[in-house]
Amino acid sequence: MRFKQKLHLYTQNGDIKQGDNKDMTQCFGLNVRYGQYKESLLLIELQMKKTIKTTLIILLILIGINETFAQSTEKKLNQVELMKQFLGTWKGEFGNNTFFKSENESFSNGIISNSQVTVDGKIVDSISQIYGYDSELDKFIIAELKKSSSNIELCLIWFNSDTTGEIIITNPENAPLSFKFEFKDSNTIEQTSIKDNNVVNTILLRKINE
């Protein structure tokens, strides 16, 4: 109060007594100290904002890492067990009275498959396939022989969910077709042929009891 009163007195009268210089100096000194204090508060506030911003960035990074880790640690599909869904006898129709019949039996960690293609009830082709699990690829390799061809066809087949998967021909190279399959239920498979990212045809294979 003393400083405020004297400052007000000097302002009103325009008259400064020599003996009051000390009080004026104290008044200005107080203003300087207040300015320094205010500046310190601003610096502290800026530092706090920087700290909060840095903390938020770290939290966002940690959240991202946790999400990535969670995705990478999702349940791994058991390809060997899932492939057992193909076991049994399956029959499908290609159209024009052309039918496909496949008998799949368990062998080691894979499958032996023997199939026939018939037209109007007559066998026009026979196919034998061996499915073997490759642990490094976590996929099955199919080796296929056809009676109508002297070439050996190699494919990769795998599940990308409990009911869906893909088949890619690896030999011959640059084969035009790839396939996707889906188990609609335990007795029905939908297989789609794909060429140049376009669906060529879709067939249904149904499990039959013999």
C-alpha atoms as a PDB file:
ATOM      1  CA  MET A   1       0.000   0.000   0.000  1.00  0.00           C
ATOM      2  CA  ARG A   2       2.826   2.386   0.747  1.00  0.00           C
ATOM      3  CA  PHE A   3       4.282   2.159  -2.750  1.00  0.00           C
ATOM      4  CA  LYS A   4       0.929   2.581  -4.428  1.00  0.00           C
ATOM      5  CA  GLN A   5       0.051   5.635  -2.369  1.00  0.00           C
ATOM      6  CA  LYS A   6       3.368   7.397  -3.057  1.00  0.00           C
ATOM      7  CA  LEU A   7       3.240   6.606  -6.762  1.00  0.00           C
ATOM      8  CA  HIS A   8      -0.263   8.050  -6.892  1.00  0.00           C
ATOM      9  CA  LEU A   9       0.973  11.142  -5.055  1.00  0.00           C
ATOM     10  CA  TYR A  10       3.779  11.722  -7.496  1.00  0.00           C
ATOM     11  CA  THR A  11       1.423  11.362 -10.409  1.00  0.00           C
ATOM     12  CA  GLN A  12      -1.150  13.786  -9.090  1.00  0.00           C
ATOM     13  CA  ASN A  13       1.196  16.525  -7.838  1.00  0.00           C
ATOM     14  CA  GLY A  14       3.967  16.143 -10.373  1.00  0.00           C
ATOM     15  CA  ASP A  15       6.250  16.910  -7.450  1.00  0.00           C
ATOM     16  CA  ILE A  16       8.908  14.532  -6.206  1.00  0.00           C
ATOM     17  CA  LYS A  17      10.694  15.234  -3.001  1.00  0.00           C
ATOM     18  CA  GLN A  18      14.339  14.360  -2.789  1.00  0.00           C
ATOM     19  CA  GLY A  19      13.801  12.347   0.323  1.00  0.00           C
ATOM     20  CA  ASP A  20      11.275  10.102  -1.502  1.00  0.00           C
ATOM     21  CA  ASN A  21      13.659   8.799  -4.180  1.00  0.00           C
ATOM     22  CA  LYS A  22      14.276   5.709  -2.128  1.00  0.00           C
ATOM     23  CA  ASP A  23      10.581   4.892  -2.116  1.00  0.00           C
ATOM     24  CA  MET A  24      10.356   5.380  -5.871  1.00  0.00           C
ATOM     25  CA  THR A  25      13.325   3.104  -6.407  1.00  0.00           C
ATOM     26  CA  GLN A  26      11.640   0.447  -4.301  1.00  0.00           C
ATOM     27  CA  CYS A  27       8.479   0.858  -6.325  1.00  0.00           C
ATOM     28  CA  PHE A  28      10.271   0.372  -9.639  1.00  0.00           C
ATOM     29  CA  GLY A  29      12.229  -2.524  -8.195  1.00  0.00           C
ATOM     30  CA  LEU A  30       8.989  -4.197  -7.241  1.00  0.00           C
ATOM     31  CA  ASN A  31       7.681  -3.767 -10.791  1.00  0.00           C
ATOM     32  CA  VAL A  32      10.848  -5.324 -12.178  1.00  0.00           C
ATOM     33  CA  ARG A  33      10.574  -8.264  -9.830  1.00  0.00           C
ATOM     34  CA  TYR A  34       6.909  -8.704 -10.765  1.00  0.00           C
ATOM     35  CA  GLY A  35       7.858  -8.699 -14.460  1.00  0.00           C
ATOM     36  CA  GLN A  36      10.491 -11.344 -13.854  1.00  0.00           C
ATOM     37  CA  TYR A  37       8.021 -13.409 -11.869  1.00  0.00           C
ATOM     38  CA  LYS A  38       5.439 -13.159 -14.648  1.00  0.00           C
ATOM     39  CA  GLU A  39       8.042 -14.147 -17.218  1.00  0.00           C
ATOM     40  CA  SER A  40       8.989 -17.146 -15.080  1.00  0.00           C
ATOM     41  CA  LEU A  41       5.342 -18.217 -14.953  1.00  0.00           C
ATOM     42  CA  LEU A  42       5.100 -18.005 -18.745  1.00  0.00           C
ATOM     43  CA  LEU A  43       8.235 -20.122 -19.118  1.00  0.00           C
ATOM     44  CA  ILE A  44       6.846 -22.694 -16.697  1.00  0.00           C
ATOM     45  CA  GLU A  45       3.552 -22.756 -18.600  1.00  0.00           C
ATOM     46  CA  LEU A  46       5.350 -23.269 -21.921  1.00  0.00           C
ATOM     47  CA  GLN A  47       7.447 -26.039 -20.412  1.00  0.00           C
ATOM     48  CA  MET A  48       4.345 -27.751 -19.061  1.00  0.00           C
ATOM     49  CA  LYS A  49       2.671 -27.560 -22.466  1.00  0.00           C
ATOM     50  CA  LYS A  50       5.753 -29.116 -24.082  1.00  0.00           C
ATOM     51  CA  THR A  51       5.809 -31.855 -21.446  1.00  0.00           C
ATOM     52  CA  ILE A  52       2.102 -32.630 -21.963  1.00  0.00           C
ATOM     53  CA  LYS A  53       2.556 -32.699 -25.732  1.00  0.00           C
ATOM     54  CA  THR A  54       5.548 -35.028 -25.450  1.00  0.00           C
ATOM     55  CA  THR A  55       3.606 -37.292 -23.080  1.00  0.00           C
ATOM     56  CA  LEU A  56       0.666 -37.478 -25.493  1.00  0.00           C
ATOM     57  CA  ILE A  57       2.980 -38.380 -28.373  1.00  0.00           C
ATOM     58  CA  ILE A  58       4.580 -41.143 -26.313  1.00  0.00           C
ATOM     59  CA  LEU A  59       1.143 -42.477 -25.340  1.00  0.00           C
ATOM     60  CA  LEU A  60       0.005 -42.534 -28.977  1.00  0.00           C
ATOM     61  CA  ILE A  61       3.171 -44.391 -29.972  1.00  0.00           C
ATOM     62  CA  LEU A  62       2.658 -46.927 -27.189  1.00  0.00           C
ATOM     63  CA  ILE A  63      -0.977 -47.439 -28.211  1.00  0.00           C
ATOM     64  CA  GLY A  64       0.136 -48.034 -31.811  1.00  0.00           C
ATOM     65  CA  ILE A  65       2.779 -50.522 -30.680  1.00  0.00           C
ATOM     66  CA  ASN A  66       0.251 -52.374 -28.532  1.00  0.00           C
ATOM     67  CA  GLU A  67      -2.231 -52.607 -31.420  1.00  0.00           C
ATOM     68  CA  THR A  68       0.470 -53.916 -33.753  1.00  0.00           C
ATOM     69  CA  PHE A  69       1.585 -56.431 -31.143  1.00  0.00           C
ATOM     70  CA  ALA A  70      -1.983 -57.551 -30.570  1.00  0.00           C
ATOM     71  CA  GLN A  71      -2.464 -58.122 -34.292  1.00  0.00           C
ATOM     72  CA  SER A  72       0.789 -60.081 -34.590  1.00  0.00           C
ATOM     73  CA  THR A  73      -0.121 -62.252 -31.611  1.00  0.00           C
ATOM     74  CA  GLU A  74      -3.585 -63.177 -32.856  1.00  0.00           C
ATOM     75  CA  LYS A  75      -4.444 -66.842 -32.845  1.00  0.00           C
ATOM     76  CA  LYS A  76      -2.323 -68.641 -35.439  1.00  0.00           C
ATOM     77  CA  LEU A  77      -4.342 -70.857 -37.761  1.00  0.00           C
ATOM     78  CA  ASN A  78      -3.629 -74.564 -37.513  1.00  0.00           C
ATOM     79  CA  GLN A  79      -3.297 -75.382 -41.193  1.00  0.00           C
ATOM     80  CA  VAL A  80      -2.997 -79.146 -40.649  1.00  0.00           C
ATOM     81  CA  GLU A  81      -6.228 -79.341 -38.659  1.00  0.00           C
ATOM     82  CA  LEU A  82      -8.128 -77.025 -40.995  1.00  0.00           C
ATOM     83  CA  MET A  83      -7.087 -79.061 -44.040  1.00  0.00           C
ATOM     84  CA  LYS A  84      -8.890 -82.078 -42.565  1.00  0.00           C
ATOM     85  CA  GLN A  85     -12.139 -80.400 -43.588  1.00  0.00           C
ATOM     86  CA  PHE A  86     -11.387 -81.606 -47.126  1.00  0.00           C
ATOM     87  CA  LEU A  87     -11.404 -85.278 -46.093  1.00  0.00           C
ATOM     88  CA  GLY A  88     -14.166 -87.425 -47.511  1.00  0.00           C
ATOM     89  CA  THR A  89     -15.858 -87.721 -50.895  1.00  0.00           C
ATOM     90  CA  TRP A  90     -16.887 -84.572 -52.749  1.00  0.00           C
ATOM     91  CA  LYS A  91     -18.849 -84.056 -55.948  1.00  0.00           C
ATOM     92  CA  GLY A  92     -19.398 -80.990 -58.103  1.00  0.00           C
ATOM     93  CA  GLU A  93     -20.827 -80.038 -61.468  1.00  0.00           C
ATOM     94  CA  PHE A  94     -18.965 -77.969 -64.071  1.00  0.00           C
ATOM     95  CA  GLY A  95     -21.962 -77.637 -66.382  1.00  0.00           C
ATOM     96  CA  ASN A  96     -22.802 -79.331 -69.704  1.00  0.00           C
ATOM     97  CA  ASN A  97     -23.357 -82.579 -67.811  1.00  0.00           C
ATOM     98  CA  THR A  98     -19.717 -82.562 -66.681  1.00  0.00           C
ATOM     99  CA  PHE A  99     -19.090 -83.738 -63.136  1.00  0.00           C
ATOM    100  CA  PHE A 100     -16.107 -83.820 -60.796  1.00  0.00           C
ATOM    101  CA  LYS A 101     -15.760 -86.377 -58.031  1.00  0.00           C
ATOM    102  CA  SER A 102     -12.918 -86.432 -55.494  1.00  0.00           C
ATOM    103  CA  GLU A 103     -12.051 -88.936 -52.756  1.00  0.00           C
ATOM    104  CA  ASN A 104      -9.697 -87.484 -50.133  1.00  0.00           C
ATOM    105  CA  GLU A 105      -7.973 -89.621 -47.515  1.00  0.00           C
ATOM    106  CA  SER A 106      -5.668 -88.679 -44.652  1.00  0.00           C
ATOM    107  CA  PHE A 107      -1.989 -89.540 -45.133  1.00  0.00           C
ATOM    108  CA  SER A 108       0.773 -88.523 -42.680  1.00  0.00           C
ATOM    109  CA  ASN A 109       0.279 -84.772 -42.106  1.00  0.00           C
ATOM    110  CA  GLY A 110      -1.457 -84.344 -45.441  1.00  0.00           C
ATOM    111  CA  ILE A 111      -3.974 -85.804 -47.872  1.00  0.00           C
ATOM    112  CA  ILE A 112      -4.027 -88.187 -50.809  1.00  0.00           C
ATOM    113  CA  SER A 113      -6.718 -87.245 -53.296  1.00  0.00           C
ATOM    114  CA  ASN A 114      -7.984 -89.252 -56.282  1.00  0.00           C
ATOM    115  CA  SER A 115     -10.460 -87.578 -58.610  1.00  0.00           C
ATOM    116  CA  GLN A 116     -12.343 -88.228 -61.821  1.00  0.00           C
ATOM    117  CA  VAL A 117     -13.980 -85.980 -64.366  1.00  0.00           C
ATOM    118  CA  THR A 118     -16.961 -87.476 -66.167  1.00  0.00           C
ATOM    119  CA  VAL A 119     -19.012 -86.264 -69.116  1.00  0.00           C
ATOM    120  CA  ASP A 120     -22.334 -87.943 -69.736  1.00  0.00           C
ATOM    121  CA  GLY A 121     -21.319 -90.625 -67.251  1.00  0.00           C
ATOM    122  CA  LYS A 122     -18.021 -91.440 -69.000  1.00  0.00           C
ATOM    123  CA  ILE A 123     -14.622 -90.855 -67.373  1.00  0.00           C
ATOM    124  CA  VAL A 124     -12.664 -88.335 -69.453  1.00  0.00           C
ATOM    125  CA  ASP A 125      -9.827 -87.620 -67.011  1.00  0.00           C
ATOM    126  CA  SER A 126      -8.311 -88.865 -63.759  1.00  0.00           C
ATOM    127  CA  ILE A 127      -6.299 -86.807 -61.294  1.00  0.00           C
ATOM    128  CA  SER A 128      -4.100 -87.829 -58.363  1.00  0.00           C
ATOM    129  CA  GLN A 129      -2.886 -85.302 -55.801  1.00  0.00           C
ATOM    130  CA  ILE A 130      -0.687 -85.420 -52.718  1.00  0.00           C
ATOM    131  CA  TYR A 131      -1.041 -82.625 -50.135  1.00  0.00           C
ATOM    132  CA  GLY A 132       1.983 -82.153 -47.864  1.00  0.00           C
ATOM    133  CA  TYR A 133       2.412 -79.557 -45.130  1.00  0.00           C
ATOM    134  CA  ASP A 134       5.468 -77.274 -45.312  1.00  0.00           C
ATOM    135  CA  SER A 135       6.152 -75.915 -41.822  1.00  0.00           C
ATOM    136  CA  GLU A 136       8.457 -73.142 -43.068  1.00  0.00           C
ATOM    137  CA  LEU A 137       5.803 -71.783 -45.439  1.00  0.00           C
ATOM    138  CA  ASP A 138       2.961 -72.707 -43.091  1.00  0.00           C
ATOM    139  CA  LYS A 139       1.151 -73.837 -46.231  1.00  0.00           C
ATOM    140  CA  PHE A 140       0.385 -77.086 -48.015  1.00  0.00           C
ATOM    141  CA  ILE A 141       2.130 -78.040 -51.241  1.00  0.00           C
ATOM    142  CA  ILE A 142       0.051 -79.996 -53.742  1.00  0.00           C
ATOM    143  CA  ALA A 143       1.704 -82.225 -56.323  1.00  0.00           C
ATOM    144  CA  GLU A 144      -0.770 -83.134 -59.075  1.00  0.00           C
ATOM    145  CA  LEU A 145      -0.692 -85.675 -61.898  1.00  0.00           C
ATOM    146  CA  LYS A 146      -3.350 -85.874 -64.599  1.00  0.00           C
ATOM    147  CA  LYS A 147      -3.906 -88.811 -66.870  1.00  0.00           C
ATOM    148  CA  SER A 148      -4.501 -86.353 -69.712  1.00  0.00           C
ATOM    149  CA  SER A 149      -1.133 -84.606 -69.221  1.00  0.00           C
ATOM    150  CA  SER A 150       2.519 -85.571 -68.737  1.00  0.00           C
ATOM    151  CA  ASN A 151       3.210 -82.421 -66.713  1.00  0.00           C
ATOM    152  CA  ILE A 152       3.400 -82.249 -62.953  1.00  0.00           C
ATOM    153  CA  GLU A 153       1.430 -79.356 -61.537  1.00  0.00           C
ATOM    154  CA  LEU A 154       2.478 -77.856 -58.204  1.00  0.00           C
ATOM    155  CA  CYS A 155       0.254 -75.636 -56.102  1.00  0.00           C
ATOM    156  CA  LEU A 156       0.215 -73.908 -52.752  1.00  0.00           C
ATOM    157  CA  ILE A 157      -2.941 -74.109 -50.684  1.00  0.00           C
ATOM    158  CA  TRP A 158      -3.643 -72.515 -47.332  1.00  0.00           C
ATOM    159  CA  PHE A 159      -6.389 -71.202 -45.100  1.00  0.00           C
ATOM    160  CA  ASN A 160      -6.556 -67.512 -44.254  1.00  0.00           C
ATOM    161  CA  SER A 161      -9.480 -68.045 -41.865  1.00  0.00           C
ATOM    162  CA  ASP A 162     -11.237 -71.062 -40.352  1.00  0.00           C
ATOM    163  CA  THR A 163     -13.428 -71.433 -43.456  1.00  0.00           C
ATOM    164  CA  THR A 164     -11.703 -69.625 -46.345  1.00  0.00           C
ATOM    165  CA  GLY A 165      -8.452 -70.053 -48.242  1.00  0.00           C
ATOM    166  CA  GLU A 166      -6.544 -69.798 -51.495  1.00  0.00           C
ATOM    167  CA  ILE A 167      -4.872 -72.005 -54.081  1.00  0.00           C
ATOM    168  CA  ILE A 168      -2.047 -70.709 -56.259  1.00  0.00           C
ATOM    169  CA  ILE A 169      -0.397 -72.659 -59.057  1.00  0.00           C
ATOM    170  CA  THR A 170       3.392 -72.419 -58.760  1.00  0.00           C
ATOM    171  CA  ASN A 171       4.339 -74.803 -61.563  1.00  0.00           C
ATOM    172  CA  PRO A 172       3.958 -74.144 -64.416  1.00  0.00           C
ATOM    173  CA  GLU A 173       5.038 -70.567 -63.731  1.00  0.00           C
ATOM    174  CA  ASN A 174       2.746 -67.699 -64.658  1.00  0.00           C
ATOM    175  CA  ALA A 175      -0.300 -69.957 -64.630  1.00  0.00           C
ATOM    176  CA  PRO A 176      -3.316 -67.858 -65.624  1.00  0.00           C
ATOM    177  CA  LEU A 177      -5.663 -69.124 -62.930  1.00  0.00           C
ATOM    178  CA  SER A 178      -5.779 -68.955 -59.154  1.00  0.00           C
ATOM    179  CA  PHE A 179      -8.536 -70.151 -56.848  1.00  0.00           C
ATOM    180  CA  LYS A 180     -10.337 -69.190 -53.691  1.00  0.00           C
ATOM    181  CA  PHE A 181     -12.459 -71.537 -51.622  1.00  0.00           C
ATOM    182  CA  GLU A 182     -14.921 -71.192 -48.797  1.00  0.00           C
ATOM    183  CA  PHE A 183     -16.588 -73.803 -46.626  1.00  0.00           C
ATOM    184  CA  LYS A 184     -20.187 -72.641 -46.549  1.00  0.00           C
ATOM    185  CA  ASP A 185     -20.774 -75.409 -44.025  1.00  0.00           C
ATOM    186  CA  SER A 186     -19.120 -78.749 -43.224  1.00  0.00           C
ATOM    187  CA  ASN A 187     -20.689 -80.346 -46.326  1.00  0.00           C
ATOM    188  CA  THR A 188     -20.435 -77.550 -48.910  1.00  0.00           C
ATOM    189  CA  ILE A 189     -17.417 -75.879 -50.533  1.00  0.00           C
ATOM    190  CA  GLU A 190     -17.650 -72.929 -52.887  1.00  0.00           C
ATOM    191  CA  GLN A 191     -14.645 -72.691 -55.193  1.00  0.00           C
ATOM    192  CA  THR A 192     -13.994 -69.610 -57.323  1.00  0.00           C
ATOM    193  CA  SER A 193     -11.635 -69.487 -60.304  1.00  0.00           C
ATOM    194  CA  ILE A 194      -9.886 -66.153 -60.855  1.00  0.00           C
ATOM    195  CA  LYS A 195      -8.027 -64.823 -63.890  1.00  0.00           C
ATOM    196  CA  ASP A 196      -6.512 -61.329 -64.072  1.00  0.00           C
ATOM    197  CA  ASN A 197      -8.382 -60.446 -60.857  1.00  0.00           C
ATOM    198  CA  ASN A 198     -11.708 -61.361 -62.482  1.00  0.00           C
ATOM    199  CA  VAL A 199     -13.956 -64.242 -61.486  1.00  0.00           C
ATOM    200  CA  VAL A 200     -14.064 -66.847 -64.258  1.00  0.00           C
ATOM    201  CA  ASN A 201     -16.490 -69.279 -62.669  1.00  0.00           C
ATOM    202  CA  THR A 202     -17.768 -70.565 -59.359  1.00  0.00           C
ATOM    203  CA  ILE A 203     -18.639 -74.156 -58.542  1.00  0.00           C
ATOM    204  CA  LEU A 204     -20.120 -75.871 -55.523  1.00  0.00           C
ATOM    205  CA  LEU A 205     -18.671 -79.101 -54.170  1.00  0.00           C
ATOM    206  CA  ARG A 206     -20.921 -81.142 -51.900  1.00  0.00           C
ATOM    207  CA  LYS A 207     -19.846 -83.868 -49.532  1.00  0.00           C
ATOM    208  CA  ILE A 208     -21.502 -87.198 -50.239  1.00  0.00           C
ATOM    209  CA  ASN A 209     -21.737 -90.395 -48.204  1.00  0.00           C
ATOM    210  CA  GLU A 210     -20.913 -93.632 -49.938  1.00  0.00           C
END
